[in-house]
């Protein structure tokens, strides 16, 4: 049982560091976003992330452990990818850049969903129901953020496809007839 508790604490330390890194990355993503709804989503998620850190600190208190972050290499890599997308942003059309930002953000969300899901399961298994409840709440917010990003991407993708199709000009009818002959 001690090993499972240690594993839970280790997972929470990883998540705490991940959330702290995201608190630094989300303002940059909001600034890089072109679409106002995407900017707003990043700002809203920053506020949620601050709450996630507080919940993690509460979980540590419930476990009578120090809220000590442990370097999270997974999120570090995902944030580095996001930074590359932001740097490449200037060379892309606004829609493509926003869609790339959404993709980067969803990779982060999926990492967090996995981390919180695993930690919640561990907390339940070792009888830490209050910790599991805190983790469930954050997990729900991460899933909602992922869903919101998917919904934001749909009209942007449609608009990008329409722009792509409108720039492709059909061949003149006379040319098509000569090609068929």
N, C-alpha and C. Protein backbone atom coordinates (compact mmCIF):
# COMPACT_ATOMS: atom_id res chain seq x y z
N UNK A 1 0.82 -1.20 0.00
CA UNK A 1 0.00 0.00 0.00
C UNK A 1 0.87 1.26 0.00
N UNK A 2 2.01 1.23 0.71
CA UNK A 2 2.90 2.39 0.74
C UNK A 2 3.44 2.71 -0.64
N UNK A 3 3.72 1.68 -1.42
CA UNK A 3 4.23 1.91 -2.77
C UNK A 3 3.19 2.59 -3.65
N UNK A 4 1.92 2.21 -3.50
CA UNK A 4 0.86 2.85 -4.28
C UNK A 4 0.66 4.30 -3.85
N UNK A 5 0.76 4.54 -2.57
CA UNK A 5 0.64 5.91 -2.07
C UNK A 5 1.80 6.75 -2.60
N UNK A 6 3.01 6.18 -2.58
CA UNK A 6 4.18 6.88 -3.12
C UNK A 6 3.99 7.18 -4.61
N UNK A 7 3.42 6.23 -5.30
CA UNK A 7 3.16 6.42 -6.73
C UNK A 7 2.17 7.57 -6.94
N UNK A 8 1.14 7.63 -6.12
CA UNK A 8 0.16 8.72 -6.20
C UNK A 8 0.85 10.06 -5.93
N UNK A 9 1.64 10.13 -4.90
CA UNK A 9 2.34 11.38 -4.57
C UNK A 9 3.25 11.77 -5.73
N UNK A 10 3.95 10.82 -6.30
CA UNK A 10 4.83 11.08 -7.44
C UNK A 10 4.01 11.64 -8.62
N UNK A 11 2.87 11.04 -8.91
CA UNK A 11 2.00 11.51 -10.00
C UNK A 11 1.51 12.93 -9.72
N UNK A 12 1.16 13.22 -8.48
CA UNK A 12 0.68 14.56 -8.12
C UNK A 12 1.81 15.59 -8.24
N UNK A 13 3.02 15.19 -7.89
CA UNK A 13 4.17 16.09 -8.03
C UNK A 13 4.40 16.42 -9.51
N UNK A 14 4.27 15.43 -10.36
CA UNK A 14 4.41 15.60 -11.80
C UNK A 14 3.32 16.55 -12.32
N UNK A 15 2.09 16.32 -11.90
CA UNK A 15 0.97 17.16 -12.34
C UNK A 15 1.13 18.60 -11.84
N UNK A 16 1.63 18.76 -10.63
CA UNK A 16 1.83 20.11 -10.09
C UNK A 16 2.84 20.87 -10.95
N UNK A 17 3.92 20.23 -11.29
CA UNK A 17 4.92 20.90 -12.14
C UNK A 17 4.35 21.19 -13.52
N UNK A 18 3.58 20.26 -14.06
CA UNK A 18 2.96 20.46 -15.36
C UNK A 18 2.05 21.70 -15.34
N UNK A 19 1.22 21.79 -14.32
CA UNK A 19 0.30 22.93 -14.22
C UNK A 19 1.06 24.24 -14.05
N UNK A 20 2.14 24.20 -13.30
CA UNK A 20 2.94 25.42 -13.10
C UNK A 20 3.59 25.86 -14.42
N UNK A 21 4.03 24.91 -15.21
CA UNK A 21 4.59 25.24 -16.53
C UNK A 21 3.51 25.83 -17.44
N UNK A 22 2.31 25.27 -17.35
CA UNK A 22 1.22 25.76 -18.20
C UNK A 22 0.80 27.17 -17.82
N UNK A 23 0.93 27.52 -16.55
CA UNK A 23 0.60 28.88 -16.14
C UNK A 23 1.52 29.90 -16.83
N UNK A 24 2.70 29.48 -17.21
CA UNK A 24 3.62 30.35 -17.94
C UNK A 24 3.36 30.30 -19.44
N UNK A 25 2.92 29.16 -19.95
CA UNK A 25 2.75 28.99 -21.40
C UNK A 25 1.42 29.55 -21.92
N UNK A 26 0.37 29.45 -21.14
CA UNK A 26 -0.96 29.86 -21.62
C UNK A 26 -1.05 31.34 -22.00
N UNK A 27 -0.45 32.26 -21.26
CA UNK A 27 -0.51 33.66 -21.71
C UNK A 27 0.15 33.86 -23.09
N UNK A 28 1.22 33.13 -23.35
CA UNK A 28 1.89 33.22 -24.65
C UNK A 28 0.99 32.67 -25.76
N UNK A 29 0.27 31.60 -25.46
CA UNK A 29 -0.64 31.03 -26.44
C UNK A 29 -1.80 31.99 -26.71
N UNK A 30 -2.31 32.61 -25.65
CA UNK A 30 -3.40 33.57 -25.81
C UNK A 30 -2.95 34.74 -26.67
N UNK A 31 -1.75 35.20 -26.43
CA UNK A 31 -1.21 36.32 -27.20
C UNK A 31 -1.01 35.95 -28.67
N UNK A 32 -0.62 34.71 -28.93
CA UNK A 32 -0.37 34.26 -30.31
C UNK A 32 -1.66 33.97 -31.07
N UNK A 33 -2.74 33.68 -30.37
CA UNK A 33 -4.01 33.33 -31.03
C UNK A 33 -4.57 34.54 -31.77
N UNK A 34 -5.14 34.29 -32.93
CA UNK A 34 -5.75 35.35 -33.74
C UNK A 34 -7.24 35.47 -33.48
N UNK A 35 -7.92 34.35 -33.41
CA UNK A 35 -9.38 34.36 -33.25
C UNK A 35 -9.72 34.74 -31.82
N UNK A 36 -10.64 35.69 -31.63
CA UNK A 36 -10.97 36.14 -30.27
C UNK A 36 -11.49 35.03 -29.36
N UNK A 37 -12.24 34.08 -29.91
CA UNK A 37 -12.74 32.98 -29.08
C UNK A 37 -11.62 32.07 -28.60
N UNK A 38 -10.60 31.91 -29.43
CA UNK A 38 -9.46 31.09 -29.04
C UNK A 38 -8.65 31.82 -27.96
N UNK A 39 -8.44 33.11 -28.13
CA UNK A 39 -7.76 33.90 -27.09
C UNK A 39 -8.49 33.75 -25.76
N UNK A 40 -9.81 33.90 -25.83
CA UNK A 40 -10.64 33.80 -24.62
C UNK A 40 -10.53 32.42 -23.98
N UNK A 41 -10.50 31.39 -24.81
CA UNK A 41 -10.40 30.02 -24.28
C UNK A 41 -9.07 29.83 -23.54
N UNK A 42 -7.99 30.35 -24.09
CA UNK A 42 -6.69 30.22 -23.43
C UNK A 42 -6.66 31.00 -22.11
N UNK A 43 -7.26 32.18 -22.10
CA UNK A 43 -7.30 32.98 -20.87
C UNK A 43 -8.16 32.28 -19.81
N UNK A 44 -9.30 31.74 -20.24
CA UNK A 44 -10.16 31.01 -19.31
C UNK A 44 -9.42 29.79 -18.74
N UNK A 45 -8.69 29.10 -19.61
CA UNK A 45 -7.99 27.91 -19.13
C UNK A 45 -6.85 28.28 -18.18
N UNK A 46 -6.26 29.44 -18.37
CA UNK A 46 -5.25 29.91 -17.42
C UNK A 46 -5.87 30.06 -16.04
N UNK A 47 -7.05 30.64 -15.98
CA UNK A 47 -7.74 30.79 -14.69
C UNK A 47 -8.06 29.43 -14.09
N UNK A 48 -8.50 28.49 -14.92
CA UNK A 48 -8.76 27.13 -14.42
C UNK A 48 -7.48 26.49 -13.92
N UNK A 49 -6.39 26.71 -14.65
CA UNK A 49 -5.11 26.10 -14.28
C UNK A 49 -4.66 26.58 -12.90
N UNK A 50 -4.91 27.85 -12.60
CA UNK A 50 -4.60 28.35 -11.26
C UNK A 50 -5.40 27.59 -10.21
N UNK A 51 -6.65 27.27 -10.53
CA UNK A 51 -7.48 26.46 -9.63
C UNK A 51 -6.97 25.03 -9.53
N UNK A 52 -6.44 24.51 -10.62
CA UNK A 52 -5.89 23.14 -10.61
C UNK A 52 -4.71 23.07 -9.65
N UNK A 53 -3.87 24.11 -9.66
CA UNK A 53 -2.72 24.14 -8.75
C UNK A 53 -3.21 24.15 -7.31
N UNK A 54 -4.23 24.96 -7.03
CA UNK A 54 -4.77 25.02 -5.66
C UNK A 54 -5.35 23.67 -5.23
N UNK A 55 -6.05 23.00 -6.15
CA UNK A 55 -6.60 21.68 -5.82
C UNK A 55 -5.50 20.67 -5.56
N UNK A 56 -4.44 20.72 -6.36
CA UNK A 56 -3.32 19.81 -6.14
C UNK A 56 -2.69 20.07 -4.76
N UNK A 57 -2.56 21.33 -4.40
CA UNK A 57 -2.01 21.66 -3.07
C UNK A 57 -2.92 21.11 -1.98
N UNK A 58 -4.23 21.18 -2.19
CA UNK A 58 -5.18 20.62 -1.23
C UNK A 58 -5.03 19.11 -1.14
N UNK A 59 -4.80 18.47 -2.28
CA UNK A 59 -4.60 17.02 -2.30
C UNK A 59 -3.35 16.64 -1.50
N UNK A 60 -2.29 17.40 -1.67
CA UNK A 60 -1.08 17.15 -0.88
C UNK A 60 -1.37 17.30 0.61
N UNK A 61 -2.13 18.32 0.98
CA UNK A 61 -2.49 18.52 2.39
C UNK A 61 -3.25 17.31 2.92
N UNK A 62 -4.23 16.83 2.13
CA UNK A 62 -5.00 15.66 2.56
C UNK A 62 -4.11 14.44 2.76
N UNK A 63 -3.07 14.34 1.95
CA UNK A 63 -2.13 13.22 2.05
C UNK A 63 -1.02 13.49 3.07
N UNK A 64 -1.05 14.67 3.67
CA UNK A 64 -0.03 15.10 4.64
C UNK A 64 1.38 15.04 4.02
N UNK A 65 1.43 15.57 2.80
CA UNK A 65 2.69 15.63 2.05
C UNK A 65 2.95 17.07 1.65
N UNK A 66 4.21 17.38 1.45
CA UNK A 66 4.59 18.71 0.99
C UNK A 66 4.27 18.82 -0.51
N UNK A 67 3.71 19.95 -0.91
CA UNK A 67 3.38 20.18 -2.32
C UNK A 67 4.65 20.56 -3.07
N UNK A 68 5.43 19.54 -3.37
CA UNK A 68 6.72 19.73 -4.02
C UNK A 68 6.63 19.25 -5.47
N UNK A 69 6.76 20.17 -6.45
CA UNK A 69 6.70 19.73 -7.84
C UNK A 69 7.92 18.90 -8.24
N UNK A 70 7.67 17.96 -9.14
CA UNK A 70 8.75 17.13 -9.69
C UNK A 70 8.80 17.44 -11.19
N UNK A 71 9.96 17.70 -11.74
CA UNK A 71 10.04 18.07 -13.16
C UNK A 71 9.24 17.11 -14.06
N UNK A 72 8.37 17.73 -14.86
CA UNK A 72 7.51 16.98 -15.78
C UNK A 72 8.07 17.12 -17.19
N UNK A 73 8.78 16.11 -17.63
CA UNK A 73 9.42 16.15 -18.94
C UNK A 73 8.41 16.08 -20.08
N UNK A 74 7.30 15.40 -19.84
CA UNK A 74 6.28 15.27 -20.88
C UNK A 74 5.69 16.61 -21.27
N UNK A 75 5.26 17.37 -20.28
CA UNK A 75 4.68 18.69 -20.56
C UNK A 75 5.75 19.64 -21.09
N UNK A 76 6.95 19.51 -20.58
CA UNK A 76 8.04 20.37 -21.07
C UNK A 76 8.19 20.20 -22.58
N UNK A 77 8.18 18.98 -23.05
CA UNK A 77 8.30 18.72 -24.48
C UNK A 77 7.11 19.26 -25.26
N UNK A 78 5.91 19.07 -24.72
CA UNK A 78 4.72 19.58 -25.40
C UNK A 78 4.71 21.10 -25.45
N UNK A 79 5.17 21.74 -24.40
CA UNK A 79 5.24 23.20 -24.38
C UNK A 79 6.29 23.69 -25.38
N UNK A 80 7.40 22.97 -25.48
CA UNK A 80 8.42 23.33 -26.47
C UNK A 80 7.85 23.24 -27.89
N UNK A 81 7.06 22.20 -28.15
CA UNK A 81 6.39 22.08 -29.46
C UNK A 81 5.46 23.26 -29.68
N UNK A 82 4.71 23.63 -28.66
CA UNK A 82 3.82 24.78 -28.76
C UNK A 82 4.57 26.07 -29.03
N UNK A 83 5.73 26.23 -28.40
CA UNK A 83 6.55 27.41 -28.62
C UNK A 83 7.04 27.47 -30.08
N UNK A 84 7.40 26.32 -30.63
CA UNK A 84 7.80 26.27 -32.04
C UNK A 84 6.65 26.71 -32.94
N UNK A 85 5.45 26.28 -32.61
CA UNK A 85 4.27 26.66 -33.40
C UNK A 85 4.06 28.18 -33.32
N UNK A 86 4.24 28.73 -32.14
CA UNK A 86 4.09 30.18 -31.97
C UNK A 86 5.15 30.92 -32.80
N UNK A 87 6.38 30.42 -32.79
CA UNK A 87 7.46 31.05 -33.55
C UNK A 87 7.21 30.94 -35.06
N UNK A 88 6.64 29.82 -35.50
CA UNK A 88 6.33 29.64 -36.91
C UNK A 88 5.07 30.40 -37.32
N UNK A 89 4.34 30.89 -36.34
CA UNK A 89 3.05 31.56 -36.52
C UNK A 89 3.13 32.68 -37.55
N UNK A 90 4.23 33.44 -37.55
CA UNK A 90 4.37 34.58 -38.44
C UNK A 90 4.41 34.18 -39.90
N UNK A 91 4.80 32.96 -40.18
CA UNK A 91 4.92 32.50 -41.56
C UNK A 91 3.64 31.85 -42.07
N UNK A 92 2.64 31.68 -41.20
CA UNK A 92 1.41 30.99 -41.58
C UNK A 92 0.25 31.97 -41.69
N UNK A 93 -0.76 31.55 -42.42
CA UNK A 93 -2.00 32.30 -42.44
C UNK A 93 -2.64 32.19 -41.05
N UNK A 94 -3.46 33.16 -40.69
CA UNK A 94 -4.04 33.19 -39.34
C UNK A 94 -4.82 31.93 -39.00
N UNK A 95 -5.64 31.45 -39.94
CA UNK A 95 -6.45 30.25 -39.66
C UNK A 95 -5.56 29.04 -39.41
N UNK A 96 -4.57 28.86 -40.25
CA UNK A 96 -3.66 27.71 -40.08
C UNK A 96 -2.90 27.82 -38.76
N UNK A 97 -2.47 29.04 -38.43
CA UNK A 97 -1.74 29.23 -37.18
C UNK A 97 -2.63 28.91 -35.98
N UNK A 98 -3.88 29.37 -36.00
CA UNK A 98 -4.80 29.07 -34.90
C UNK A 98 -5.09 27.58 -34.81
N UNK A 99 -5.26 26.93 -35.93
CA UNK A 99 -5.51 25.49 -35.92
C UNK A 99 -4.30 24.74 -35.36
N UNK A 100 -3.11 25.21 -35.68
CA UNK A 100 -1.90 24.58 -35.13
C UNK A 100 -1.82 24.79 -33.61
N UNK A 101 -2.20 25.99 -33.15
CA UNK A 101 -2.23 26.25 -31.70
C UNK A 101 -3.23 25.33 -31.00
N UNK A 102 -4.38 25.16 -31.62
CA UNK A 102 -5.40 24.27 -31.04
C UNK A 102 -4.85 22.85 -30.93
N UNK A 103 -4.19 22.39 -31.98
CA UNK A 103 -3.60 21.05 -31.95
C UNK A 103 -2.59 20.89 -30.83
N UNK A 104 -1.74 21.90 -30.66
CA UNK A 104 -0.74 21.86 -29.59
C UNK A 104 -1.42 21.85 -28.22
N UNK A 105 -2.45 22.67 -28.07
CA UNK A 105 -3.17 22.74 -26.79
C UNK A 105 -3.86 21.42 -26.49
N UNK A 106 -4.41 20.78 -27.52
CA UNK A 106 -5.10 19.50 -27.28
C UNK A 106 -4.12 18.40 -26.90
N UNK A 107 -2.91 18.44 -27.40
CA UNK A 107 -1.91 17.46 -26.96
C UNK A 107 -1.67 17.61 -25.46
N UNK A 108 -1.59 18.86 -25.01
CA UNK A 108 -1.40 19.11 -23.58
C UNK A 108 -2.61 18.61 -22.79
N UNK A 109 -3.81 18.91 -23.28
CA UNK A 109 -5.02 18.46 -22.59
C UNK A 109 -5.05 16.94 -22.48
N UNK A 110 -4.69 16.26 -23.53
CA UNK A 110 -4.71 14.79 -23.50
C UNK A 110 -3.70 14.25 -22.50
N UNK A 111 -2.56 14.89 -22.40
CA UNK A 111 -1.56 14.50 -21.41
C UNK A 111 -2.14 14.67 -20.01
N UNK A 112 -2.77 15.83 -19.78
CA UNK A 112 -3.35 16.09 -18.46
C UNK A 112 -4.51 15.15 -18.15
N UNK A 113 -5.35 14.90 -19.13
CA UNK A 113 -6.47 13.97 -18.93
C UNK A 113 -5.93 12.61 -18.50
N UNK A 114 -4.91 12.16 -19.16
CA UNK A 114 -4.30 10.87 -18.81
C UNK A 114 -3.72 10.91 -17.39
N UNK A 115 -3.00 11.98 -17.07
CA UNK A 115 -2.37 12.09 -15.75
C UNK A 115 -3.39 12.16 -14.63
N UNK A 116 -4.41 13.00 -14.81
CA UNK A 116 -5.43 13.12 -13.76
C UNK A 116 -6.27 11.86 -13.65
N UNK A 117 -6.54 11.22 -14.77
CA UNK A 117 -7.31 9.97 -14.74
C UNK A 117 -6.56 8.87 -13.98
N UNK A 118 -5.28 8.77 -14.24
CA UNK A 118 -4.45 7.77 -13.55
C UNK A 118 -4.36 8.06 -12.06
N UNK A 119 -4.12 9.32 -11.72
CA UNK A 119 -3.99 9.69 -10.30
C UNK A 119 -5.31 9.48 -9.56
N UNK A 120 -6.42 9.82 -10.21
CA UNK A 120 -7.74 9.62 -9.58
C UNK A 120 -7.98 8.14 -9.31
N UNK A 121 -7.65 7.32 -10.27
CA UNK A 121 -7.83 5.87 -10.11
C UNK A 121 -6.98 5.35 -8.94
N UNK A 122 -5.75 5.79 -8.87
CA UNK A 122 -4.88 5.38 -7.77
C UNK A 122 -5.45 5.84 -6.42
N UNK A 123 -5.89 7.09 -6.37
CA UNK A 123 -6.45 7.63 -5.12
C UNK A 123 -7.66 6.80 -4.67
N UNK A 124 -8.51 6.45 -5.61
CA UNK A 124 -9.68 5.63 -5.27
C UNK A 124 -9.26 4.27 -4.74
N UNK A 125 -8.29 3.65 -5.42
CA UNK A 125 -7.87 2.30 -5.07
C UNK A 125 -7.25 2.23 -3.67
N UNK A 126 -6.59 3.30 -3.25
CA UNK A 126 -5.96 3.26 -1.92
C UNK A 126 -6.83 3.93 -0.85
N UNK A 127 -8.08 4.24 -1.21
CA UNK A 127 -9.03 4.75 -0.24
C UNK A 127 -8.95 6.24 0.04
N UNK A 128 -8.27 6.99 -0.80
CA UNK A 128 -8.17 8.45 -0.63
C UNK A 128 -9.30 9.11 -1.42
N UNK A 129 -10.52 8.96 -0.92
CA UNK A 129 -11.71 9.44 -1.64
C UNK A 129 -11.73 10.95 -1.82
N UNK A 130 -11.31 11.69 -0.80
CA UNK A 130 -11.32 13.15 -0.91
C UNK A 130 -10.33 13.62 -1.98
N UNK A 131 -9.19 12.97 -2.03
CA UNK A 131 -8.20 13.29 -3.06
C UNK A 131 -8.78 12.94 -4.44
N UNK A 132 -9.41 11.79 -4.53
CA UNK A 132 -10.02 11.37 -5.80
C UNK A 132 -11.09 12.36 -6.25
N UNK A 133 -11.85 12.89 -5.33
CA UNK A 133 -12.88 13.89 -5.65
C UNK A 133 -12.25 15.15 -6.23
N UNK A 134 -11.17 15.62 -5.62
CA UNK A 134 -10.47 16.80 -6.13
C UNK A 134 -9.95 16.54 -7.55
N UNK A 135 -9.37 15.38 -7.74
CA UNK A 135 -8.81 15.03 -9.04
C UNK A 135 -9.91 14.87 -10.09
N UNK A 136 -11.06 14.35 -9.68
CA UNK A 136 -12.19 14.21 -10.60
C UNK A 136 -12.67 15.56 -11.12
N UNK A 137 -12.70 16.51 -10.23
CA UNK A 137 -13.15 17.85 -10.62
C UNK A 137 -12.21 18.45 -11.67
N UNK A 138 -10.91 18.33 -11.43
CA UNK A 138 -9.94 18.85 -12.39
C UNK A 138 -10.01 18.06 -13.69
N UNK A 139 -10.15 16.75 -13.58
CA UNK A 139 -10.25 15.92 -14.79
C UNK A 139 -11.43 16.38 -15.64
N UNK A 140 -12.55 16.65 -15.02
CA UNK A 140 -13.72 17.13 -15.76
C UNK A 140 -13.44 18.45 -16.48
N UNK A 141 -12.73 19.35 -15.83
CA UNK A 141 -12.39 20.62 -16.46
C UNK A 141 -11.43 20.42 -17.63
N UNK A 142 -10.50 19.50 -17.49
CA UNK A 142 -9.56 19.22 -18.59
C UNK A 142 -10.32 18.63 -19.78
N UNK A 143 -11.25 17.74 -19.51
CA UNK A 143 -12.05 17.15 -20.59
C UNK A 143 -12.92 18.21 -21.26
N UNK A 144 -13.47 19.11 -20.48
CA UNK A 144 -14.28 20.20 -21.04
C UNK A 144 -13.43 21.12 -21.90
N UNK A 145 -12.22 21.39 -21.47
CA UNK A 145 -11.31 22.24 -22.26
C UNK A 145 -10.98 21.58 -23.59
N UNK A 146 -10.74 20.29 -23.56
CA UNK A 146 -10.45 19.55 -24.79
C UNK A 146 -11.65 19.62 -25.74
N UNK A 147 -12.85 19.44 -25.21
CA UNK A 147 -14.06 19.51 -26.01
C UNK A 147 -14.22 20.91 -26.61
N UNK A 148 -13.99 21.93 -25.81
CA UNK A 148 -14.10 23.31 -26.28
C UNK A 148 -13.12 23.57 -27.42
N UNK A 149 -11.90 23.10 -27.28
CA UNK A 149 -10.92 23.28 -28.35
C UNK A 149 -11.36 22.59 -29.63
N UNK A 150 -11.94 21.41 -29.50
CA UNK A 150 -12.46 20.71 -30.69
C UNK A 150 -13.57 21.53 -31.34
N UNK A 151 -14.46 22.06 -30.53
CA UNK A 151 -15.57 22.87 -31.07
C UNK A 151 -15.05 24.15 -31.71
N UNK A 152 -14.04 24.76 -31.13
CA UNK A 152 -13.45 25.97 -31.72
C UNK A 152 -12.78 25.68 -33.05
N UNK A 153 -12.22 24.50 -33.17
CA UNK A 153 -11.50 24.17 -34.41
C UNK A 153 -12.44 23.94 -35.59
N UNK A 154 -13.65 23.51 -35.34
CA UNK A 154 -14.56 23.17 -36.45
C UNK A 154 -14.85 24.34 -37.38
N UNK A 155 -15.30 25.50 -36.89
CA UNK A 155 -15.55 26.60 -37.83
C UNK A 155 -14.27 27.14 -38.45
N UNK A 156 -13.17 27.10 -37.71
CA UNK A 156 -11.90 27.56 -38.27
C UNK A 156 -11.46 26.66 -39.41
N UNK A 157 -11.62 25.36 -39.22
CA UNK A 157 -11.26 24.41 -40.26
C UNK A 157 -12.16 24.58 -41.48
N UNK A 158 -13.46 24.77 -41.25
CA UNK A 158 -14.39 25.00 -42.37
C UNK A 158 -13.99 26.25 -43.15
N UNK A 159 -13.69 27.32 -42.44
CA UNK A 159 -13.29 28.56 -43.10
C UNK A 159 -12.00 28.38 -43.89
N UNK A 160 -11.05 27.67 -43.30
CA UNK A 160 -9.78 27.42 -44.00
C UNK A 160 -10.02 26.59 -45.26
N UNK A 161 -10.90 25.60 -45.18
CA UNK A 161 -11.21 24.77 -46.35
C UNK A 161 -11.90 25.59 -47.43
N UNK A 162 -12.82 26.46 -47.05
CA UNK A 162 -13.50 27.32 -48.01
C UNK A 162 -12.51 28.25 -48.70
N UNK A 163 -11.59 28.80 -47.94
CA UNK A 163 -10.58 29.68 -48.52
C UNK A 163 -9.68 28.92 -49.47
N UNK A 164 -9.33 27.70 -49.10
CA UNK A 164 -8.49 26.86 -49.94
C UNK A 164 -9.19 26.54 -51.25
N UNK A 165 -10.47 26.16 -51.15
CA UNK A 165 -11.24 25.81 -52.34
C UNK A 165 -11.49 27.01 -53.23
N UNK A 166 -11.68 28.18 -52.65
CA UNK A 166 -11.96 29.36 -53.46
C UNK A 166 -10.71 29.83 -54.19
N UNK A 167 -9.55 29.51 -53.68
CA UNK A 167 -8.32 29.91 -54.37
C UNK A 167 -7.97 28.96 -55.50
N UNK A 168 -8.53 27.76 -55.48
CA UNK A 168 -8.32 26.81 -56.58
C UNK A 168 -9.36 27.11 -57.66
N UNK A 169 -8.89 27.57 -58.81
CA UNK A 169 -9.80 27.97 -59.88
C UNK A 169 -10.04 26.80 -60.82
N UNK A 170 -11.31 26.60 -61.19
CA UNK A 170 -11.59 25.52 -62.12
C UNK A 170 -11.06 25.86 -63.52
N UNK A 171 -10.74 24.83 -64.23
CA UNK A 171 -10.26 25.02 -65.60
C UNK A 171 -11.40 25.53 -66.47
N UNK A 172 -11.11 26.38 -67.45
CA UNK A 172 -12.16 26.85 -68.36
C UNK A 172 -12.81 25.69 -69.08
N UNK A 173 -14.09 25.86 -69.40
CA UNK A 173 -14.87 24.78 -70.04
C UNK A 173 -14.23 24.34 -71.35
N UNK A 174 -13.72 25.26 -72.16
CA UNK A 174 -13.11 24.89 -73.44
C UNK A 174 -11.91 24.00 -73.23
N UNK A 175 -11.13 24.29 -72.21
CA UNK A 175 -9.95 23.48 -71.92
C UNK A 175 -10.35 22.08 -71.48
N UNK A 176 -11.44 21.97 -70.69
CA UNK A 176 -11.90 20.67 -70.25
C UNK A 176 -12.35 19.84 -71.45
N UNK A 177 -13.03 20.45 -72.42
CA UNK A 177 -13.51 19.73 -73.59
C UNK A 177 -12.33 19.18 -74.39
N UNK A 178 -11.28 19.98 -74.54
CA UNK A 178 -10.14 19.52 -75.33
C UNK A 178 -9.40 18.41 -74.61
N UNK A 179 -9.44 18.41 -73.28
CA UNK A 179 -8.76 17.35 -72.52
C UNK A 179 -9.52 16.04 -72.63
N UNK A 180 -10.85 16.12 -72.82
CA UNK A 180 -11.67 14.90 -72.91
C UNK A 180 -11.51 14.24 -74.27
N UNK A 181 -11.21 14.99 -75.27
CA UNK A 181 -11.17 14.48 -76.65
C UNK A 181 -9.99 13.62 -76.93
